[in-house]
Amino acid sequence: MNLSIVIPLLNEEESLAELHRWIAGVMAANSYSYEILFIDDGSTDGSWKKIQSLSAADPNVKGIRFLRNYGKSQALHAGFARAQGDVVITMDADLQDNPQEIPELYNMITQQGYDLVSGWKKKRYDSVLSKNMPSKLFNWAARKTSGVKLNDFNCGLKAYRLDVVKNIEVSGEMHRYIPVLAKNAGFPKIGEKVVKHQARKYGNTKFGMERFINGFLDLITIWFISKFGKRPMHLFGALGVLMFIIGLLSALYIGLIKLIKLYNHEPAILVTDNPWFYIALTTMIIGTQLFLAGFLGEIILRTKNNEERYKISETL
């Protein structure tokens, strides 16, 4: 099979039939063998019924339905687990991604040897203040932090080699950083293609300004995971030992000064009356806690089990 097209969605009933026709037309024009995987992330409208009707009419259409809304990352994870095509395409269901881009994305993977190709919506039809400016700031921070030189991390239109999606773990809200996850997993050949951005035709966006706050928090998380995810003791242990030594040396210095003053019969306050003693003590306590945090992190890494991430109610 040439292509698996993974489409996560939430309450996109109105756009599904049109999107299916558009994708099917592109697939037929290029003689691709393909499957379309609609991942219904807990929709409360008629999205699942629409997917069922599309699947009944077209055997290339498959579906996964979550019991409730788990988020885009979990939907992509479920789609990646089921995908079988040599190249996996992800796109949004709101008709803002253009299926006409798929052939060139496919060729970049199969002929040019890219592991992953990310779309870049260079010209957008979103509000400048609510989306464009925050998105540019977010993408700049992501480039600087991750070292992956992309202009649009959050574009839903991406292409992957099959073994890429089978070897990355998309969790939490890390769908924004799949290129970073791919790089960390050993797939460094990441490309970018300028793609057309369509104005939303039906419904409303499912993401508000909070996605940028969450995005920056996730960026910190993925930076930490990239640097210390396999060795938390290297960060917490090092900081803990450093703080403990600083606190210990400070406490010894305070005690030594007290002994010197007593030996010379000079007036000296009680050690416990010296505020620096408590600062030194606090530093040692924090250092111990950081060391224990690193130690516990190492234990968790070696004993963790995969947790249940979502519940699927139906598949097609």
Protein backbone atom coordinates (compact mmCIF):
# COMPACT_ATOMS: atom_id res chain seq x y z
CA MET A 1 0.00 0.00 0.00
CA ASN A 2 1.36 3.42 -0.98
CA LEU A 3 -0.35 5.74 1.46
CA SER A 4 -2.06 5.86 4.84
CA ILE A 5 -3.85 9.15 5.44
CA VAL A 6 -4.44 9.73 9.15
CA ILE A 7 -7.06 12.35 9.96
CA PRO A 8 -7.83 13.17 13.61
CA LEU A 9 -11.10 15.04 14.07
CA LEU A 10 -13.47 16.50 16.62
CA ASN A 11 -16.97 17.59 15.58
CA GLU A 12 -16.24 17.98 11.86
CA GLU A 13 -19.41 16.35 10.48
CA GLU A 14 -19.98 18.97 7.79
CA SER A 15 -16.54 18.70 6.19
CA LEU A 16 -15.96 14.92 6.11
CA ALA A 17 -17.82 14.03 2.91
CA GLU A 18 -16.19 16.87 0.97
CA LEU A 19 -12.75 16.01 2.35
CA HIS A 20 -13.22 12.36 1.40
CA ARG A 21 -14.21 13.24 -2.17
CA TRP A 22 -11.23 15.56 -2.48
CA ILE A 23 -8.74 12.97 -1.19
CA ALA A 24 -10.26 10.14 -3.27
CA GLY A 25 -9.97 12.29 -6.40
CA VAL A 26 -6.27 12.96 -5.77
CA MET A 27 -5.62 9.27 -5.06
CA ALA A 28 -7.39 8.17 -8.27
CA ALA A 29 -5.57 10.77 -10.38
CA ASN A 30 -2.20 9.44 -9.17
CA SER A 31 -3.14 5.73 -9.10
CA TYR A 32 -2.18 5.35 -5.45
CA SER A 33 -3.23 2.42 -3.29
CA TYR A 34 -4.33 3.97 -0.03
CA GLU A 35 -6.35 3.95 3.16
CA ILE A 36 -8.01 6.85 4.93
CA LEU A 37 -8.04 6.56 8.72
CA PHE A 38 -10.51 8.89 10.39
CA ILE A 39 -9.85 9.11 14.14
CA ASP A 40 -12.96 10.43 15.90
CA ASP A 41 -11.66 12.00 19.09
CA GLY A 42 -14.92 11.87 21.04
CA SER A 43 -17.12 13.95 18.72
CA THR A 44 -20.57 14.88 20.02
CA ASP A 45 -22.11 15.64 16.61
CA GLY A 46 -22.78 13.21 13.77
CA SER A 47 -19.14 12.75 12.77
CA TRP A 48 -19.03 9.02 13.55
CA LYS A 49 -22.22 8.30 11.61
CA LYS A 50 -20.73 10.15 8.66
CA ILE A 51 -17.54 8.07 8.92
CA GLN A 52 -19.63 4.89 9.05
CA SER A 53 -21.49 5.87 5.89
CA LEU A 54 -18.25 6.76 4.08
CA SER A 55 -16.72 3.42 5.12
CA ALA A 56 -19.77 1.51 3.88
CA ALA A 57 -19.48 3.18 0.47
CA ASP A 58 -15.67 3.12 0.19
CA PRO A 59 -13.57 0.17 1.51
CA ASN A 60 -10.53 2.44 1.65
CA VAL A 61 -12.12 4.39 4.51
CA LYS A 62 -11.48 3.12 8.02
CA GLY A 63 -12.34 4.64 11.37
CA ILE A 64 -11.46 4.64 15.04
CA ARG A 65 -13.79 6.15 17.61
CA PHE A 66 -12.72 7.18 21.12
CA LEU A 67 -15.14 6.95 24.02
CA ARG A 68 -14.42 10.57 24.87
CA ASN A 69 -12.13 13.41 23.86
CA TYR A 70 -8.50 12.44 24.59
CA GLY A 71 -6.70 15.00 22.44
CA LYS A 72 -4.99 15.18 19.08
CA SER A 73 -1.81 13.43 20.22
CA GLN A 74 -3.73 10.36 21.34
CA ALA A 75 -5.70 10.33 18.08
CA LEU A 76 -2.49 10.43 16.07
CA HIS A 77 -1.01 7.68 18.23
CA ALA A 78 -3.99 5.42 17.48
CA GLY A 79 -3.81 6.22 13.77
CA PHE A 80 -0.06 5.58 13.61
CA ALA A 81 -0.51 2.22 15.33
CA ARG A 82 -2.98 1.09 12.66
CA ALA A 83 -1.36 2.68 9.57
CA GLN A 84 0.03 0.29 6.98
CA GLY A 85 1.04 2.47 4.02
CA ASP A 86 4.66 2.98 2.99
CA VAL A 87 4.12 6.71 3.52
CA VAL A 88 1.88 8.13 6.23
CA ILE A 89 0.21 11.50 5.68
CA THR A 90 -1.42 13.42 8.53
CA MET A 91 -3.86 16.22 7.89
CA ASP A 92 -6.67 18.06 9.66
CA ALA A 93 -10.33 17.40 8.90
CA ASP A 94 -11.41 21.05 8.67
CA LEU A 95 -10.53 21.46 4.94
CA GLN A 96 -7.72 23.89 5.78
CA ASP A 97 -5.15 21.37 4.50
CA ASN A 98 -5.13 20.82 0.75
CA PRO A 99 -4.99 17.16 -0.41
CA GLN A 100 -3.46 18.32 -3.71
CA GLU A 101 -0.20 18.64 -1.75
CA ILE A 102 -0.08 14.88 -1.06
CA PRO A 103 1.65 13.71 -4.31
CA GLU A 104 4.60 16.05 -3.84
CA LEU A 105 4.90 15.13 -0.17
CA TYR A 106 4.83 11.46 -1.17
CA ASN A 107 7.59 12.01 -3.72
CA MET A 108 9.76 13.85 -1.21
CA ILE A 109 9.62 10.79 1.05
CA THR A 110 9.97 8.06 -1.60
CA GLN A 111 12.29 9.75 -4.11
CA GLN A 112 14.25 12.35 -2.15
CA GLY A 113 14.82 10.14 0.88
CA TYR A 114 13.32 12.29 3.63
CA ASP A 115 12.24 10.64 6.85
CA LEU A 116 9.66 13.34 7.52
CA VAL A 117 8.38 16.32 5.58
CA SER A 118 6.46 19.03 7.39
CA GLY A 119 4.11 21.48 5.73
CA TRP A 120 4.71 25.22 6.07
CA LYS A 121 1.63 27.43 5.82
CA LYS A 122 3.61 30.46 4.72
CA LYS A 123 0.51 32.46 3.84
CA ARG A 124 -2.22 32.05 6.42
CA TYR A 125 -5.85 33.16 6.61
CA ASP A 126 -5.93 33.37 10.41
CA SER A 127 -6.15 36.39 12.65
CA VAL A 128 -2.76 38.14 12.88
CA LEU A 129 -3.00 38.88 16.61
CA SER A 130 -4.66 35.70 17.84
CA LYS A 131 -2.73 33.15 15.76
CA ASN A 132 -0.09 34.48 13.37
CA MET A 133 2.07 36.47 15.80
CA PRO A 134 1.93 33.93 18.67
CA SER A 135 2.62 31.15 16.16
CA LYS A 136 5.74 32.90 14.86
CA LEU A 137 7.04 33.40 18.40
CA PHE A 138 6.26 29.79 19.25
CA ASN A 139 8.02 28.46 16.13
CA TRP A 140 11.08 30.63 16.80
CA ALA A 141 11.35 29.28 20.35
CA ALA A 142 10.90 25.70 19.11
CA ARG A 143 13.68 26.11 16.53
CA LYS A 144 16.10 27.54 19.07
CA THR A 145 15.33 24.93 21.70
CA SER A 146 15.15 21.80 19.55
CA GLY A 147 17.66 22.50 16.80
CA VAL A 148 15.09 21.40 14.18
CA LYS A 149 14.98 24.12 11.53
CA LEU A 150 11.29 24.28 10.62
CA ASN A 151 9.16 27.35 10.10
CA ASP A 152 5.83 25.78 11.07
CA PHE A 153 5.97 23.04 13.71
CA ASN A 154 2.21 23.01 14.25
CA CYS A 155 1.11 22.43 10.64
CA GLY A 156 -1.13 19.36 10.59
CA LEU A 157 -0.10 18.40 7.04
CA LYS A 158 2.96 16.17 7.31
CA ALA A 159 4.39 13.10 5.58
CA TYR A 160 6.37 10.29 7.22
CA ARG A 161 8.06 7.07 6.29
CA LEU A 162 6.14 4.23 7.94
CA ASP A 163 8.99 3.23 10.24
CA VAL A 164 9.13 6.78 11.63
CA VAL A 165 5.58 6.68 12.99
CA LYS A 166 6.14 3.17 14.33
CA ASN A 167 9.15 4.32 16.35
CA ILE A 168 7.99 7.54 17.98
CA GLU A 169 5.83 7.95 21.07
CA VAL A 170 3.26 10.75 20.69
CA SER A 171 1.81 11.48 24.13
CA GLY A 172 0.31 14.34 26.12
CA GLU A 173 0.10 17.24 23.66
CA MET A 174 3.34 16.46 21.87
CA HIS A 175 1.77 16.39 18.39
CA ARG A 176 3.28 19.86 17.88
CA TYR A 177 6.75 18.40 18.28
CA ILE A 178 6.61 15.22 16.20
CA PRO A 179 9.61 16.41 14.11
CA VAL A 180 11.61 16.76 17.33
CA LEU A 181 10.46 13.34 18.51
CA ALA A 182 11.50 11.88 15.15
CA LYS A 183 14.92 13.51 15.35
CA ASN A 184 15.44 12.18 18.87
CA ALA A 185 14.39 8.70 17.72
CA GLY A 186 17.15 8.66 15.09
CA PHE A 187 15.43 10.06 11.98
CA PRO A 188 17.41 13.23 11.21
CA LYS A 189 16.44 13.85 7.57
CA ILE A 190 13.57 16.27 8.09
CA GLY A 191 12.35 18.49 5.28
CA GLU A 192 9.80 21.24 4.80
CA LYS A 193 7.42 22.13 2.00
CA VAL A 194 5.38 25.29 1.54
CA VAL A 195 1.71 24.27 1.41
CA LYS A 196 -1.52 26.10 0.74
CA HIS A 197 -3.60 27.18 3.70
CA GLN A 198 -7.35 27.12 3.11
CA ALA A 199 -9.73 29.35 5.03
CA ARG A 200 -11.99 27.35 7.36
CA LYS A 201 -15.23 26.51 5.54
CA TYR A 202 -17.34 24.91 8.30
CA GLY A 203 -17.56 25.19 12.06
CA ASN A 204 -15.13 26.85 14.42
CA THR A 205 -11.56 26.23 15.46
CA LYS A 206 -11.10 23.79 18.35
CA PHE A 207 -8.00 25.58 19.64
CA GLY A 208 -7.82 28.83 21.55
CA MET A 209 -4.99 31.01 22.82
CA GLU A 210 -4.33 28.49 25.60
CA ARG A 211 -2.72 26.19 23.02
CA PHE A 212 0.27 28.55 22.83
CA ILE A 213 0.70 28.53 26.61
CA ASN A 214 0.45 24.74 26.58
CA GLY A 215 2.78 24.67 23.60
CA PHE A 216 5.54 26.56 25.43
CA LEU A 217 5.14 24.34 28.49
CA ASP A 218 5.37 21.28 26.24
CA LEU A 219 8.45 22.80 24.63
CA ILE A 220 10.16 22.90 28.03
CA THR A 221 9.07 19.30 28.61
CA ILE A 222 10.43 18.05 25.31
CA TRP A 223 13.69 19.97 25.82
CA PHE A 224 14.11 18.24 29.16
CA ILE A 225 13.17 14.84 27.73
CA SER A 226 15.58 15.33 24.82
CA LYS A 227 18.46 16.23 27.13
CA PHE A 228 17.77 14.21 30.27
CA GLY A 229 14.81 11.92 29.58
CA LYS A 230 17.02 8.82 29.69
CA ARG A 231 19.28 10.08 32.47
CA PRO A 232 17.45 12.34 34.97
CA MET A 233 20.17 11.76 37.56
CA HIS A 234 22.57 13.72 35.35
CA LEU A 235 20.50 16.85 35.96
CA PHE A 236 18.83 16.42 39.34
CA GLY A 237 21.69 14.47 40.86
CA ALA A 238 24.31 16.98 39.73
CA LEU A 239 22.29 19.95 40.97
CA GLY A 240 21.50 18.15 44.23
CA VAL A 241 25.12 17.28 44.97
CA LEU A 242 26.24 20.81 44.10
CA MET A 243 23.65 22.44 46.39
CA PHE A 244 24.36 19.99 49.22
CA ILE A 245 28.10 20.68 49.05
CA ILE A 246 27.51 24.45 49.00
CA GLY A 247 25.20 24.19 52.02
CA LEU A 248 27.58 21.87 53.87
CA LEU A 249 30.60 24.09 53.27
CA SER A 250 28.58 27.13 54.36
CA ALA A 251 27.50 25.40 57.58
CA LEU A 252 31.09 24.30 58.30
CA TYR A 253 32.29 27.85 57.68
CA ILE A 254 29.72 29.25 60.13
CA GLY A 255 30.70 26.67 62.75
CA LEU A 256 34.42 27.30 62.20
CA ILE A 257 33.98 31.06 62.62
CA LYS A 258 32.10 30.41 65.87
CA LEU A 259 34.93 28.17 67.20
CA ILE A 260 37.59 30.72 66.26
CA LYS A 261 35.72 33.48 68.10
CA LEU A 262 35.27 31.30 71.17
CA TYR A 263 38.96 30.38 71.13
CA ASN A 264 39.93 34.06 70.98
CA HIS A 265 37.40 34.93 73.70
CA GLU A 266 35.50 37.17 71.32
CA PRO A 267 31.72 37.66 71.58
CA ALA A 268 29.83 35.24 69.35
CA ILE A 269 26.14 34.61 68.79
CA LEU A 270 24.62 31.16 68.84
CA VAL A 271 24.89 29.30 65.52
CA THR A 272 21.13 28.91 65.53
CA ASP A 273 20.75 32.70 65.83
CA ASN A 274 22.71 33.22 62.63
CA PRO A 275 20.29 33.51 59.64
CA TRP A 276 23.00 32.18 57.28
CA PHE A 277 22.90 28.88 59.16
CA TYR A 278 19.28 28.36 58.09
CA ILE A 279 20.10 29.34 54.53
CA ALA A 280 22.87 26.73 54.51
CA LEU A 281 20.56 24.13 56.07
CA THR A 282 17.83 24.84 53.51
CA THR A 283 20.35 24.52 50.69
CA MET A 284 21.42 21.09 51.96
CA ILE A 285 17.80 19.94 52.27
CA ILE A 286 16.94 21.11 48.74
CA GLY A 287 20.11 19.46 47.43
CA THR A 288 19.11 16.18 49.07
CA GLN A 289 15.61 16.40 47.59
CA LEU A 290 16.97 17.07 44.10
CA PHE A 291 19.30 14.10 44.39
CA LEU A 292 16.41 11.89 45.50
CA ALA A 293 14.27 13.20 42.60
CA GLY A 294 16.97 12.11 40.15
CA PHE A 295 17.34 8.75 41.88
CA LEU A 296 13.57 8.13 41.80
CA GLY A 297 13.47 9.19 38.14
CA GLU A 298 16.08 6.56 37.31
CA ILE A 299 14.08 3.89 39.17
CA ILE A 300 10.84 4.87 37.39
CA LEU A 301 12.53 4.69 33.99
CA ARG A 302 13.64 1.15 34.70
CA THR A 303 10.34 -0.10 36.07
CA LYS A 304 7.66 1.85 34.22
CA ASN A 305 4.83 0.06 32.43
CA ASN A 306 2.84 1.43 29.50
CA GLU A 307 -0.32 3.00 30.86
CA GLU A 308 -3.72 2.92 29.23
CA ARG A 309 -3.86 6.09 27.15
CA TYR A 310 -7.31 6.03 25.60
CA LYS A 311 -10.35 3.80 25.19
CA ILE A 312 -11.61 2.90 21.72
CA SER A 313 -15.33 2.19 21.48
CA GLU A 314 -15.60 1.23 17.79
CA THR A 315 -13.45 0.58 14.72
CA LEU A 316 -14.23 0.15 11.05
